[in-house]
Amino acid sequence: MPTTVTPEAAVSDRAAHRDGNVLRWLAAYTSSMVGDSVHYIALSWAAVRAGSPSQAGMVMAVSAVPRTLLMLGGGVVADRLGPRRVVIGSDVVRCAAALSLAALVFATGPGLWPLAVLAVVFGTVDAVFLPAVGALPARVTGRDQLARVQGMRGLAIRFSYVVGAPLGGLAVAIGGAAAAFALAGLLIAVSVPLLVSVRMREPPQDDAAAARGTAWRDLRDGLDHIRRHRVLTPLMVAIALGDLGFVGPLNVGVTLLADERGWGASGMGWVVAGFGTGAGAASLVLTVRGRLPRAGHVVAYTCLAGCVAIGALAYVPGVVAAVGVALLVGLLAGLSGALCGALVQTQADPAFLGRVTSVSSIVSLGLAPLSMPLFAAAVGLWGTGPVFAVSAAVCGLGGVIALGVRDLRRAELPR
């Protein structure tokens, strides 16, 4: 796979949201994410049509297994081969898989096994795709623009959620699951030529030295880089605690609250929309401002304030108040998450960025979702209030660590 690498001076140092090179990367990322959303709508619809609800749930969940097990190795692959090469290859594989299944569904209407195979393929590819996506921004813009890029990436994610699900539903309504899979494949395919056109900064001179050993040695070196780093070690712990405390209340807890309080599906939708609006506003702030001073302090205080808001969500009297609290949670979580991502980008040695990103991603996208069944079971035993409070305390502990560790508290983003 060809890679266009240019000296650092040849890559524009203008603000990221006005840089055509960054905008091409953003367009590629957005198209790929919208394609992902359409793909999951198609997969869930096809699985429900082919089997029972429990079987459909297993098909939807099976992709998490290879993603979780292989994520650390995916970081090694991203650092060895280069993040853009890995992202392009991943998109090619995902596009081919989606289009192949579209043809199979159109021709035969397959059962659950082909759908499960597709889910495994996507989960396996995600294990290398996600670390590479995390490492790519540092190669397309300057270090002083990475916070802005995190904001732009957050806006792209929100856009993919808002547009992808209705688009997938429309494709299913018009042409069935086959049409939706085909649309997903075409959207992912759009990202490939855009990524090929993106100019890359020259990798650091020590990249070759960092990838000289075996894959196992590379993995150990990446973990050692985190362990010895005065900012990355506490930052990874803070990210893990924040994700573990946040995932249950927002992904399962809101549904359980809506059922318990009689808000209905529409009320639940408004609460989720409030969170999405707040997170989108946080991304917009970073996109426009580009940098927030005293980043370590902001991470700590937004985590602490966010944990209070999460705990309060279980005690609000009505759906209107819940929407307001969810909006606040989204704003605080969006700011802390984007700043944590920017700090990972700027604090990690570029030669290890794929491996560092894989460690932060494995908690967020691998382990944290596994806490959702435990959260639901705990609510059944002890009720929403106490379980929300425990989750809030876990999230707040991440803020305590960020505030208590001097090097993380004093961490700044480049000017």
Protein backbone atom coordinates (compact mmCIF):
# COMPACT_ATOMS: atom_id res chain seq x y z
CA MET A 1 0.00 0.00 0.00
CA PRO A 2 1.67 3.27 -1.06
CA THR A 3 2.18 5.92 1.56
CA THR A 4 2.65 9.60 0.79
CA VAL A 5 5.14 10.82 3.40
CA THR A 6 6.30 14.42 3.34
CA PRO A 7 8.68 16.40 5.46
CA GLU A 8 7.02 18.13 8.40
CA ALA A 9 7.40 21.55 6.82
CA ALA A 10 5.45 20.42 3.76
CA VAL A 11 2.36 19.68 5.86
CA SER A 12 0.37 22.84 6.51
CA ASP A 13 0.64 24.30 10.02
CA ARG A 14 -2.60 26.26 9.67
CA ALA A 15 -5.49 25.67 12.09
CA ALA A 16 -6.74 22.12 11.63
CA HIS A 17 -10.34 23.12 10.86
CA ARG A 18 -9.03 25.25 7.97
CA ASP A 19 -6.46 22.77 6.67
CA GLY A 20 -7.55 20.87 3.57
CA ASN A 21 -5.25 17.98 4.44
CA VAL A 22 -6.91 17.50 7.84
CA LEU A 23 -10.36 17.98 6.33
CA ARG A 24 -9.71 15.18 3.83
CA TRP A 25 -8.75 12.94 6.74
CA LEU A 26 -11.89 14.03 8.60
CA ALA A 27 -14.09 13.34 5.55
CA ALA A 28 -12.56 9.85 5.25
CA TYR A 29 -13.08 9.16 8.95
CA THR A 30 -16.68 10.44 8.87
CA SER A 31 -17.59 8.38 5.82
CA SER A 32 -16.10 5.28 7.44
CA MET A 33 -17.97 5.88 10.71
CA VAL A 34 -21.30 6.48 8.94
CA GLY A 35 -20.69 3.24 7.03
CA ASP A 36 -20.10 1.48 10.36
CA SER A 37 -23.42 2.77 11.71
CA VAL A 38 -25.27 1.61 8.61
CA HIS A 39 -23.53 -1.76 8.85
CA TYR A 40 -24.69 -2.34 12.43
CA ILE A 41 -28.28 -1.46 11.50
CA ALA A 42 -28.11 -3.94 8.62
CA LEU A 43 -26.50 -6.62 10.79
CA SER A 44 -29.05 -6.26 13.60
CA TRP A 45 -31.98 -6.34 11.16
CA ALA A 46 -30.67 -9.37 9.28
CA ALA A 47 -29.91 -11.20 12.54
CA VAL A 48 -33.39 -10.56 13.94
CA ARG A 49 -34.95 -11.80 10.70
CA ALA A 50 -32.77 -14.93 10.66
CA GLY A 51 -33.11 -16.03 14.29
CA SER A 52 -34.57 -15.37 17.72
CA PRO A 53 -33.91 -12.13 19.65
CA SER A 54 -31.36 -13.90 21.88
CA GLN A 55 -29.55 -15.31 18.86
CA ALA A 56 -29.54 -11.87 17.26
CA GLY A 57 -28.04 -10.44 20.45
CA MET A 58 -25.26 -13.04 20.32
CA VAL A 59 -24.47 -12.12 16.71
CA MET A 60 -24.27 -8.44 17.65
CA ALA A 61 -22.03 -9.15 20.65
CA VAL A 62 -19.63 -11.62 19.02
CA SER A 63 -17.53 -8.87 17.40
CA ALA A 64 -16.45 -7.66 20.85
CA VAL A 65 -14.49 -10.87 21.53
CA PRO A 66 -11.76 -10.58 18.86
CA ARG A 67 -11.68 -6.79 19.30
CA THR A 68 -10.91 -7.17 23.01
CA LEU A 69 -8.47 -10.08 22.68
CA LEU A 70 -6.48 -8.68 19.75
CA MET A 71 -6.46 -4.93 20.49
CA LEU A 72 -3.00 -4.84 22.08
CA GLY A 73 -1.55 -6.71 19.11
CA GLY A 74 -3.34 -4.25 16.84
CA GLY A 75 -1.36 -1.42 18.40
CA VAL A 76 1.87 -3.23 17.53
CA VAL A 77 0.70 -3.65 13.92
CA ALA A 78 -0.21 0.06 13.68
CA ASP A 79 3.25 1.12 14.89
CA ARG A 80 5.11 -1.37 12.70
CA LEU A 81 3.28 -0.72 9.42
CA GLY A 82 2.25 2.90 9.95
CA PRO A 83 -1.23 4.05 10.98
CA ARG A 84 -2.50 5.19 7.58
CA ARG A 85 -1.50 1.98 5.83
CA VAL A 86 -3.35 0.00 8.52
CA VAL A 87 -6.46 2.20 8.34
CA ILE A 88 -6.60 1.94 4.53
CA GLY A 89 -6.13 -1.83 4.64
CA SER A 90 -8.78 -2.16 7.34
CA ASP A 91 -11.28 -0.12 5.35
CA VAL A 92 -10.61 -2.23 2.24
CA VAL A 93 -11.28 -5.44 4.19
CA ARG A 94 -14.43 -4.06 5.85
CA CYS A 95 -15.72 -2.78 2.50
CA ALA A 96 -15.13 -6.13 0.82
CA ALA A 97 -16.79 -8.01 3.69
CA ALA A 98 -19.88 -5.77 3.67
CA LEU A 99 -20.28 -5.94 -0.12
CA SER A 100 -19.78 -9.72 -0.14
CA LEU A 101 -22.47 -10.21 2.47
CA ALA A 102 -24.77 -7.83 0.57
CA ALA A 103 -24.45 -10.09 -2.46
CA LEU A 104 -24.99 -13.21 -0.34
CA VAL A 105 -28.08 -11.79 1.40
CA PHE A 106 -29.50 -10.68 -1.95
CA ALA A 107 -28.90 -14.10 -3.54
CA THR A 108 -29.79 -16.53 -0.75
CA GLY A 109 -30.92 -14.77 2.43
CA PRO A 110 -28.29 -16.46 4.69
CA GLY A 111 -28.82 -17.67 8.22
CA LEU A 112 -27.03 -16.62 11.36
CA TRP A 113 -23.63 -18.18 10.63
CA PRO A 114 -22.61 -15.85 7.76
CA LEU A 115 -23.77 -12.88 9.86
CA ALA A 116 -21.70 -14.08 12.81
CA VAL A 117 -18.67 -14.52 10.53
CA LEU A 118 -19.09 -10.92 9.32
CA ALA A 119 -19.30 -9.72 12.92
CA VAL A 120 -16.08 -11.59 13.76
CA VAL A 121 -14.37 -10.10 10.69
CA PHE A 122 -15.37 -6.57 11.70
CA GLY A 123 -14.31 -7.18 15.30
CA THR A 124 -10.93 -8.55 14.21
CA VAL A 125 -10.33 -5.65 11.83
CA ASP A 126 -11.40 -3.19 14.54
CA ALA A 127 -8.60 -4.55 16.72
CA VAL A 128 -6.04 -3.03 14.34
CA PHE A 129 -8.21 -0.23 12.94
CA LEU A 130 -8.91 1.52 16.25
CA PRO A 131 -5.28 1.88 17.44
CA ALA A 132 -4.29 3.08 13.97
CA VAL A 133 -7.11 5.65 13.91
CA GLY A 134 -5.89 6.94 17.26
CA ALA A 135 -2.31 7.25 16.02
CA LEU A 136 -3.13 8.89 12.68
CA PRO A 137 -3.92 12.52 13.70
CA ALA A 138 -0.36 13.07 14.95
CA ARG A 139 0.86 12.35 11.40
CA VAL A 140 -1.49 14.77 9.61
CA THR A 141 -1.22 17.93 11.72
CA GLY A 142 0.97 19.66 14.29
CA ARG A 143 1.01 18.82 17.99
CA ASP A 144 -0.58 22.18 18.81
CA GLN A 145 -3.64 21.21 16.73
CA LEU A 146 -4.31 17.79 18.27
CA ALA A 147 -6.90 19.03 20.78
CA ARG A 148 -8.79 20.70 17.93
CA VAL A 149 -8.58 17.47 15.92
CA GLN A 150 -10.04 15.56 18.87
CA GLY A 151 -12.95 17.99 18.85
CA MET A 152 -13.41 17.53 15.11
CA ARG A 153 -13.28 13.77 15.53
CA GLY A 154 -15.94 14.01 18.25
CA LEU A 155 -18.20 15.97 15.90
CA ALA A 156 -17.68 13.31 13.22
CA ILE A 157 -18.69 10.58 15.66
CA ARG A 158 -21.84 12.48 16.69
CA PHE A 159 -22.67 13.07 13.01
CA SER A 160 -22.28 9.37 12.23
CA TYR A 161 -24.67 8.44 15.06
CA VAL A 162 -27.28 11.00 13.97
CA VAL A 163 -27.08 10.22 10.24
CA GLY A 164 -25.98 6.58 10.10
CA ALA A 165 -28.90 4.96 11.94
CA PRO A 166 -31.69 6.69 9.94
CA LEU A 167 -29.75 6.11 6.71
CA GLY A 168 -29.41 2.42 7.51
CA GLY A 169 -33.08 2.20 8.42
CA LEU A 170 -34.05 3.87 5.14
CA ALA A 171 -31.85 1.46 3.16
CA VAL A 172 -33.46 -1.52 4.94
CA ALA A 173 -36.94 -0.12 4.26
CA ILE A 174 -36.21 0.35 0.54
CA GLY A 175 -34.11 -2.69 -0.33
CA GLY A 176 -33.80 -4.85 2.77
CA ALA A 177 -30.62 -5.86 4.56
CA ALA A 178 -28.81 -6.45 1.26
CA ALA A 179 -29.23 -2.79 0.28
CA ALA A 180 -28.07 -1.64 3.71
CA PHE A 181 -24.95 -3.82 3.62
CA ALA A 182 -24.17 -2.53 0.12
CA LEU A 183 -24.60 1.07 1.27
CA ALA A 184 -22.30 0.43 4.25
CA GLY A 185 -19.64 -1.01 1.96
CA LEU A 186 -19.82 1.93 -0.43
CA LEU A 187 -19.58 4.48 2.38
CA ILE A 188 -16.52 2.74 3.79
CA ALA A 189 -15.04 2.57 0.27
CA VAL A 190 -15.28 6.37 -0.05
CA SER A 191 -12.73 6.74 2.75
CA VAL A 192 -9.99 4.89 0.85
CA PRO A 193 -9.18 7.41 -1.93
CA LEU A 194 -9.53 10.26 0.57
CA LEU A 195 -6.96 8.66 2.85
CA VAL A 196 -4.62 7.99 -0.06
CA SER A 197 -4.66 11.73 -0.84
CA VAL A 198 -3.77 12.77 2.72
CA ARG A 199 -0.20 14.02 3.16
CA MET A 200 1.66 12.54 6.12
CA ARG A 201 4.33 14.02 8.34
CA GLU A 202 7.65 12.25 8.29
CA PRO A 203 7.75 9.67 11.09
CA PRO A 204 10.29 10.13 13.90
CA GLN A 205 13.77 8.76 13.34
CA ASP A 206 13.40 6.32 16.22
CA ASP A 207 10.39 4.59 14.65
CA ALA A 208 12.67 2.04 12.99
CA ALA A 209 14.47 1.35 16.25
CA ALA A 210 11.14 0.99 18.06
CA ALA A 211 10.05 -1.79 15.70
CA ARG A 212 13.29 -3.77 15.41
CA GLY A 213 12.43 -6.64 17.71
CA THR A 214 9.78 -9.33 17.62
CA ALA A 215 6.12 -8.43 17.87
CA TRP A 216 6.12 -9.64 21.49
CA ARG A 217 9.10 -7.42 22.27
CA ASP A 218 7.37 -4.48 20.62
CA LEU A 219 4.30 -5.05 22.77
CA ARG A 220 6.37 -5.20 25.96
CA ASP A 221 8.24 -2.06 24.95
CA GLY A 222 4.94 -0.25 24.45
CA LEU A 223 3.65 -1.31 27.84
CA ASP A 224 6.96 -0.33 29.44
CA HIS A 225 6.71 3.09 27.77
CA ILE A 226 3.37 3.65 29.49
CA ARG A 227 4.53 2.24 32.82
CA ARG A 228 7.60 4.47 33.00
CA HIS A 229 5.83 7.64 31.84
CA ARG A 230 4.87 10.03 34.62
CA VAL A 231 1.75 11.30 32.83
CA LEU A 232 0.62 8.33 30.74
CA THR A 233 0.43 5.86 33.66
CA PRO A 234 -2.03 7.86 35.79
CA LEU A 235 -3.81 9.07 32.66
CA MET A 236 -4.55 5.49 31.57
CA VAL A 237 -5.89 4.68 35.04
CA ALA A 238 -8.06 7.81 35.02
CA ILE A 239 -9.42 6.97 31.54
CA ALA A 240 -10.21 3.39 32.61
CA LEU A 241 -12.04 4.45 35.76
CA GLY A 242 -13.96 7.16 33.94
CA ASP A 243 -15.10 4.72 31.25
CA LEU A 244 -16.03 1.97 33.71
CA GLY A 245 -18.11 4.41 35.76
CA PHE A 246 -19.72 6.05 32.78
CA VAL A 247 -20.71 3.20 30.45
CA GLY A 248 -23.31 1.52 32.65
CA PRO A 249 -25.41 4.57 33.60
CA LEU A 250 -25.52 6.04 30.12
CA ASN A 251 -25.92 2.87 28.06
CA VAL A 252 -28.12 0.76 30.36
CA GLY A 253 -29.12 3.00 33.25
CA VAL A 254 -31.06 5.53 31.18
CA THR A 255 -33.23 2.74 29.75
CA LEU A 256 -33.86 1.32 33.22
CA LEU A 257 -34.68 4.77 34.62
CA ALA A 258 -37.11 5.47 31.79
CA ASP A 259 -38.89 2.18 32.49
CA GLU A 260 -38.92 2.72 36.25
CA ARG A 261 -40.17 6.33 36.10
CA GLY A 262 -42.64 5.80 33.27
CA TRP A 263 -40.88 8.16 30.85
CA GLY A 264 -41.44 5.80 27.94
CA ALA A 265 -39.31 5.34 24.86
CA SER A 266 -39.70 8.98 23.86
CA GLY A 267 -38.49 10.18 27.25
CA MET A 268 -35.50 7.86 27.06
CA GLY A 269 -34.77 9.21 23.59
CA TRP A 270 -34.83 12.79 24.83
CA VAL A 271 -32.41 11.97 27.67
CA VAL A 272 -30.01 10.25 25.26
CA ALA A 273 -30.35 13.21 22.88
CA GLY A 274 -29.49 15.55 25.76
CA PHE A 275 -26.29 13.66 26.38
CA GLY A 276 -25.43 13.68 22.67
CA THR A 277 -26.06 17.41 22.46
CA GLY A 278 -23.78 18.09 25.41
CA ALA A 279 -21.00 15.90 24.01
CA GLY A 280 -21.38 17.57 20.62
CA ALA A 281 -21.14 21.01 22.24
CA ALA A 282 -17.92 19.98 23.98
CA SER A 283 -16.45 18.82 20.66
CA LEU A 284 -17.50 22.09 19.03
CA VAL A 285 -15.81 24.11 21.77
CA LEU A 286 -12.51 22.30 21.20
CA THR A 287 -12.86 22.55 17.42
CA VAL A 288 -13.28 26.33 17.62
CA ARG A 289 -10.84 27.11 20.44
CA GLY A 290 -8.24 24.51 19.55
CA ARG A 291 -6.72 24.43 23.01
CA LEU A 292 -7.80 24.72 26.63
CA PRO A 293 -5.17 25.87 29.14
CA ARG A 294 -4.37 23.79 32.23
CA ALA A 295 -5.56 20.61 30.50
CA GLY A 296 -4.70 18.35 33.46
CA HIS A 297 -6.75 20.47 35.84
CA VAL A 298 -9.67 20.56 33.39
CA VAL A 299 -9.63 16.76 33.08
CA ALA A 300 -9.69 16.37 36.85
CA TYR A 301 -12.46 18.87 37.52
CA THR A 302 -14.68 17.73 34.65
CA CYS A 303 -14.39 14.13 35.87
CA LEU A 304 -15.31 15.17 39.41
CA ALA A 305 -18.21 17.35 38.30
CA GLY A 306 -19.33 14.67 35.85
CA CYS A 307 -19.49 12.03 38.57
CA VAL A 308 -21.79 14.28 40.61
CA ALA A 309 -24.03 14.75 37.55
CA ILE A 310 -24.12 10.98 36.88
CA GLY A 311 -25.13 10.29 40.47
CA ALA A 312 -27.80 13.00 40.33
CA LEU A 313 -29.34 11.50 37.20
CA ALA A 314 -30.92 8.71 39.26
CA TYR A 315 -32.70 11.18 41.55
CA VAL A 316 -34.10 13.81 39.17
CA PRO A 317 -37.91 14.18 39.48
CA GLY A 318 -38.92 14.24 35.82
CA VAL A 319 -37.83 13.78 32.24
CA VAL A 320 -37.17 17.50 31.63
CA ALA A 321 -34.74 17.65 34.54
CA ALA A 322 -33.17 14.38 33.38
CA VAL A 323 -32.56 15.85 29.93
CA GLY A 324 -30.83 18.86 31.51
CA VAL A 325 -28.63 16.66 33.70
CA ALA A 326 -27.81 14.38 30.75
CA LEU A 327 -26.81 17.43 28.70
CA LEU A 328 -24.43 18.45 31.52
CA VAL A 329 -23.02 14.91 31.72
CA GLY A 330 -22.42 14.93 27.97
CA LEU A 331 -20.68 18.30 28.08
CA LEU A 332 -18.39 17.31 30.96
CA ALA A 333 -17.69 13.80 29.63
CA GLY A 334 -17.08 15.20 26.15
CA LEU A 335 -14.53 17.72 27.42
CA SER A 336 -12.70 15.26 29.66
CA GLY A 337 -12.69 12.54 26.98
CA ALA A 338 -11.40 14.82 24.23
CA LEU A 339 -8.71 16.31 26.47
CA CYS A 340 -7.63 12.85 27.62
CA GLY A 341 -7.34 11.83 23.98
CA ALA A 342 -5.30 14.95 23.16
CA LEU A 343 -3.00 14.33 26.14
CA VAL A 344 -2.44 10.73 25.00
CA GLN A 345 -1.54 12.05 21.54
CA THR A 346 0.90 14.67 22.80
CA GLN A 347 2.46 12.84 25.75
CA ALA A 348 3.17 9.50 24.05
CA ASP A 349 6.32 9.04 22.02
CA PRO A 350 5.13 8.96 18.37
CA ALA A 351 6.92 5.65 17.86
CA PHE A 352 4.63 4.05 20.48
CA LEU A 353 1.39 5.89 19.74
CA GLY A 354 -0.45 2.91 18.23
CA ARG A 355 0.38 0.74 21.24
CA VAL A 356 -0.54 3.49 23.71
CA THR A 357 -3.84 4.06 21.91
CA SER A 358 -4.58 0.33 22.00
CA VAL A 359 -4.24 0.30 25.79
CA SER A 360 -6.66 3.21 26.23
CA SER A 361 -9.07 1.72 23.67
CA ILE A 362 -9.14 -1.77 25.14
CA VAL A 363 -10.78 -0.45 28.31
CA SER A 364 -13.20 1.89 26.54
CA LEU A 365 -14.25 -0.45 23.74
CA GLY A 366 -13.44 -3.87 25.14
CA LEU A 367 -13.72 -4.11 28.92
CA ALA A 368 -16.12 -1.27 29.77
CA PRO A 369 -19.00 -2.69 27.65
CA LEU A 370 -18.68 -5.96 29.59
CA SER A 371 -19.72 -4.05 32.72
CA MET A 372 -23.18 -3.32 31.28
CA PRO A 373 -24.75 -6.72 32.17
CA LEU A 374 -23.26 -6.41 35.67
CA PHE A 375 -24.74 -2.92 35.99
CA ALA A 376 -28.19 -4.16 34.96
CA ALA A 377 -27.98 -7.11 37.38
CA ALA A 378 -26.91 -4.79 40.22
CA VAL A 379 -29.87 -2.48 39.54
CA GLY A 380 -32.16 -5.50 39.80
CA LEU A 381 -30.73 -6.30 43.22
CA TRP A 382 -30.26 -2.87 44.79
CA GLY A 383 -32.16 -0.35 42.66
CA THR A 384 -31.08 2.49 40.40
CA GLY A 385 -30.07 5.03 43.06
CA PRO A 386 -27.34 3.04 44.87
CA VAL A 387 -25.93 1.57 41.64
CA PHE A 388 -25.79 4.97 39.95
CA ALA A 389 -24.01 6.30 43.05
CA VAL A 390 -21.39 3.53 42.93
CA SER A 391 -20.82 4.11 39.22
CA ALA A 392 -20.47 7.83 39.87
CA ALA A 393 -17.92 7.11 42.60
CA VAL A 394 -15.86 4.96 40.20
CA CYS A 395 -15.95 7.75 37.61
CA GLY A 396 -15.04 10.33 40.25
CA LEU A 397 -12.06 8.25 41.34
CA GLY A 398 -10.56 8.94 37.94
CA GLY A 399 -10.85 12.65 38.69
CA VAL A 400 -9.25 12.15 42.10
CA ILE A 401 -6.26 10.45 40.45
CA ALA A 402 -5.97 13.22 37.85
CA LEU A 403 -6.05 15.81 40.61
CA GLY A 404 -3.78 13.91 42.99
CA VAL A 405 -0.92 13.00 40.64
CA ARG A 406 1.15 16.14 40.19
CA ASP A 407 2.51 15.39 36.71
CA LEU A 408 -0.94 14.69 35.29
CA ARG A 409 -2.51 17.63 37.10
CA ARG A 410 0.10 19.98 35.62
CA ALA A 411 -0.02 18.47 32.13
CA GLU A 412 -0.49 21.03 29.35
CA LEU A 413 -1.29 20.81 25.67
CA PRO A 414 1.24 22.31 23.23
CA ARG A 415 0.69 25.90 22.12
